[in-house]
Amino acid sequence: MPDKIVQSQYVNAGKTIGDVLSYIYMGKCIDFDAFFNDWKRWEAEYARRGFRTVSADRFVAAGGYGESLEGLLGKKREANEAPVFHAEILERDYLSLIPEEGIGSIAVRTKG
């Protein structure tokens, strides 16, 4: 598969999960795991081809709020530069903290 198609799939998956993450305070949407795993898979393939990956925050800005990814795509990593897997970082450090019913439910539970 050509790099341009992989990049297109990666961007589409990234913008989709970015849009979904922009609403994460309300809880995980239906098919959240499928959207997330799609992004994670395309990110791994994009990185395997030697490209620098785009942060989850940038995909939230692009997918959730319409900001441009101009200048961030198609950049090859340096020879000794390790790939960054933002999906794995997000999964490890953040997603496990989000209750299924949303962040707002934390305030309700602690209130009383």
C-alpha atoms as a PDB file:
ATOM      1  CA  MET A   1       0.000   0.000   0.000  1.00  0.00           C
ATOM      2  CA  PRO A   2       1.465   3.420  -0.910  1.00  0.00           C
ATOM      3  CA  ASP A   3       2.565   5.792   1.869  1.00  0.00           C
ATOM      4  CA  LYS A   4      -0.005   8.411   0.762  1.00  0.00           C
ATOM      5  CA  ILE A   5      -2.864   5.974   1.362  1.00  0.00           C
ATOM      6  CA  VAL A   6      -1.481   4.958   4.747  1.00  0.00           C
ATOM      7  CA  GLN A   7      -1.142   8.636   5.657  1.00  0.00           C
ATOM      8  CA  SER A   8      -4.719   9.305   4.552  1.00  0.00           C
ATOM      9  CA  GLN A   9      -6.048   6.387   6.620  1.00  0.00           C
ATOM     10  CA  TYR A  10      -3.959   7.522   9.605  1.00  0.00           C
ATOM     11  CA  VAL A  11      -5.286  11.088   9.366  1.00  0.00           C
ATOM     12  CA  ASN A  12      -8.898   9.935   8.970  1.00  0.00           C
ATOM     13  CA  ALA A  13      -8.604   7.620  11.970  1.00  0.00           C
ATOM     14  CA  GLY A  14      -6.774  10.313  13.961  1.00  0.00           C
ATOM     15  CA  LYS A  15      -9.389  12.969  13.246  1.00  0.00           C
ATOM     16  CA  THR A  16     -12.170  10.546  14.126  1.00  0.00           C
ATOM     17  CA  ILE A  17     -10.636   9.656  17.489  1.00  0.00           C
ATOM     18  CA  GLY A  18      -9.805  13.342  18.006  1.00  0.00           C
ATOM     19  CA  ASP A  19     -13.461  14.246  17.574  1.00  0.00           C
ATOM     20  CA  VAL A  20     -14.495  11.409  19.894  1.00  0.00           C
ATOM     21  CA  LEU A  21     -11.924  12.478  22.509  1.00  0.00           C
ATOM     22  CA  SER A  22     -13.202  16.051  22.406  1.00  0.00           C
ATOM     23  CA  TYR A  23     -16.390  14.670  24.027  1.00  0.00           C
ATOM     24  CA  ILE A  24     -14.695  12.201  26.397  1.00  0.00           C
ATOM     25  CA  TYR A  25     -15.810  14.170  29.459  1.00  0.00           C
ATOM     26  CA  MET A  26     -19.293  12.764  28.758  1.00  0.00           C
ATOM     27  CA  GLY A  27     -18.002   9.193  28.660  1.00  0.00           C
ATOM     28  CA  LYS A  28     -16.877   6.757  26.021  1.00  0.00           C
ATOM     29  CA  CYS A  29     -19.141   6.745  22.993  1.00  0.00           C
ATOM     30  CA  ILE A  30     -20.533   3.655  21.330  1.00  0.00           C
ATOM     31  CA  ASP A  31     -17.730   2.041  19.319  1.00  0.00           C
ATOM     32  CA  PHE A  32     -15.056   4.034  21.177  1.00  0.00           C
ATOM     33  CA  ASP A  33     -12.766   0.995  21.307  1.00  0.00           C
ATOM     34  CA  ALA A  34     -13.143   0.373  17.568  1.00  0.00           C
ATOM     35  CA  PHE A  35     -12.304   4.020  16.761  1.00  0.00           C
ATOM     36  CA  PHE A  36      -9.349   3.974  19.148  1.00  0.00           C
ATOM     37  CA  ASN A  37      -7.979   0.666  17.871  1.00  0.00           C
ATOM     38  CA  ASP A  38      -8.296   1.866  14.273  1.00  0.00           C
ATOM     39  CA  TRP A  39      -6.190   4.939  15.076  1.00  0.00           C
ATOM     40  CA  LYS A  40      -3.697   2.845  17.036  1.00  0.00           C
ATOM     41  CA  ARG A  41      -3.297   0.404  14.120  1.00  0.00           C
ATOM     42  CA  TRP A  42      -2.804   3.141  11.495  1.00  0.00           C
ATOM     43  CA  GLU A  43      -0.425   5.026  13.770  1.00  0.00           C
ATOM     44  CA  ALA A  44       1.729   1.902  14.146  1.00  0.00           C
ATOM     45  CA  GLU A  45       1.814   1.405  10.369  1.00  0.00           C
ATOM     46  CA  TYR A  46       2.599   5.083   9.728  1.00  0.00           C
ATOM     47  CA  ALA A  47       5.449   4.944  12.271  1.00  0.00           C
ATOM     48  CA  ARG A  48       6.705   1.627  10.845  1.00  0.00           C
ATOM     49  CA  ARG A  49       7.203   3.424   7.544  1.00  0.00           C
ATOM     50  CA  GLY A  50       9.537   5.894   9.246  1.00  0.00           C
ATOM     51  CA  PHE A  51       7.222   8.865   9.738  1.00  0.00           C
ATOM     52  CA  ARG A  52       6.854  11.070  12.798  1.00  0.00           C
ATOM     53  CA  THR A  53       3.460  10.572  14.383  1.00  0.00           C
ATOM     54  CA  VAL A  54       0.982  13.264  15.399  1.00  0.00           C
ATOM     55  CA  SER A  55       0.006  13.761  19.047  1.00  0.00           C
ATOM     56  CA  ALA A  56      -3.460  12.987  20.356  1.00  0.00           C
ATOM     57  CA  ASP A  57      -3.832  16.662  21.315  1.00  0.00           C
ATOM     58  CA  ARG A  58      -3.246  17.726  17.716  1.00  0.00           C
ATOM     59  CA  PHE A  59      -5.818  15.205  16.492  1.00  0.00           C
ATOM     60  CA  VAL A  60      -8.321  16.501  19.057  1.00  0.00           C
ATOM     61  CA  ALA A  61      -7.683  20.025  17.755  1.00  0.00           C
ATOM     62  CA  ALA A  62      -8.086  18.841  14.148  1.00  0.00           C
ATOM     63  CA  GLY A  63     -10.948  16.377  14.517  1.00  0.00           C
ATOM     64  CA  GLY A  64     -12.811  18.059  17.337  1.00  0.00           C
ATOM     65  CA  TYR A  65     -12.245  21.717  16.478  1.00  0.00           C
ATOM     66  CA  GLY A  66     -11.228  21.863  12.807  1.00  0.00           C
ATOM     67  CA  GLU A  67      -7.599  22.959  13.214  1.00  0.00           C
ATOM     68  CA  SER A  68      -5.154  22.181  10.430  1.00  0.00           C
ATOM     69  CA  LEU A  69      -2.505  19.473  10.556  1.00  0.00           C
ATOM     70  CA  GLU A  70      -0.482  21.454   8.011  1.00  0.00           C
ATOM     71  CA  GLY A  71       3.237  20.880   8.406  1.00  0.00           C
ATOM     72  CA  LEU A  72       2.872  17.862  10.689  1.00  0.00           C
ATOM     73  CA  LEU A  73       2.394  15.084   8.144  1.00  0.00           C
ATOM     74  CA  GLY A  74       4.824  13.271   5.903  1.00  0.00           C
ATOM     75  CA  LYS A  75       7.823  14.100   8.090  1.00  0.00           C
ATOM     76  CA  LYS A  76      10.396  11.318   8.216  1.00  0.00           C
ATOM     77  CA  ARG A  77      12.121  10.585  11.513  1.00  0.00           C
ATOM     78  CA  GLU A  78      15.872  11.069  11.854  1.00  0.00           C
ATOM     79  CA  ALA A  79      17.987   7.919  11.552  1.00  0.00           C
ATOM     80  CA  ASN A  80      18.379   7.519  15.333  1.00  0.00           C
ATOM     81  CA  GLU A  81      14.951   8.922  16.304  1.00  0.00           C
ATOM     82  CA  ALA A  82      12.638   6.463  18.036  1.00  0.00           C
ATOM     83  CA  PRO A  83       8.988   6.426  17.013  1.00  0.00           C
ATOM     84  CA  VAL A  84       6.434   7.901  19.407  1.00  0.00           C
ATOM     85  CA  PHE A  85       3.230   5.900  19.763  1.00  0.00           C
ATOM     86  CA  HIS A  86       0.722   8.438  21.048  1.00  0.00           C
ATOM     87  CA  ALA A  87      -2.143   5.934  21.115  1.00  0.00           C
ATOM     88  CA  GLU A  88      -0.207   3.684  23.500  1.00  0.00           C
ATOM     89  CA  ILE A  89       0.703   6.653  25.721  1.00  0.00           C
ATOM     90  CA  LEU A  90      -2.907   7.848  25.809  1.00  0.00           C
ATOM     91  CA  GLU A  91      -4.161   4.367  26.578  1.00  0.00           C
ATOM     92  CA  ARG A  92      -1.628   3.787  29.353  1.00  0.00           C
ATOM     93  CA  ASP A  93      -1.698   7.179  31.054  1.00  0.00           C
ATOM     94  CA  TYR A  94      -5.195   8.504  30.520  1.00  0.00           C
ATOM     95  CA  LEU A  95      -7.939   6.274  29.173  1.00  0.00           C
ATOM     96  CA  SER A  96      -7.848   3.859  32.087  1.00  0.00           C
ATOM     97  CA  LEU A  97      -8.818   6.801  34.337  1.00  0.00           C
ATOM     98  CA  ILE A  98     -12.001   7.662  32.438  1.00  0.00           C
ATOM     99  CA  PRO A  99     -15.131   6.042  33.864  1.00  0.00           C
ATOM    100  CA  GLU A 100     -17.506   4.593  31.275  1.00  0.00           C
ATOM    101  CA  GLU A 101     -20.163   7.149  32.235  1.00  0.00           C
ATOM    102  CA  GLY A 102     -17.832  10.152  31.845  1.00  0.00           C
ATOM    103  CA  ILE A 103     -15.728  12.500  33.899  1.00  0.00           C
ATOM    104  CA  GLY A 104     -18.804  14.382  35.117  1.00  0.00           C
ATOM    105  CA  SER A 105     -19.810  11.291  37.066  1.00  0.00           C
ATOM    106  CA  ILE A 106     -16.721  11.651  39.277  1.00  0.00           C
ATOM    107  CA  ALA A 107     -18.018  14.945  40.679  1.00  0.00           C
ATOM    108  CA  VAL A 108     -21.437  13.430  41.283  1.00  0.00           C
ATOM    109  CA  ARG A 109     -19.971  10.427  43.118  1.00  0.00           C
ATOM    110  CA  THR A 110     -17.657  12.519  45.301  1.00  0.00           C
ATOM    111  CA  LYS A 111     -20.313  15.109  46.103  1.00  0.00           C
ATOM    112  CA  GLY A 112     -22.183  13.058  48.422  1.00  0.00           C
END
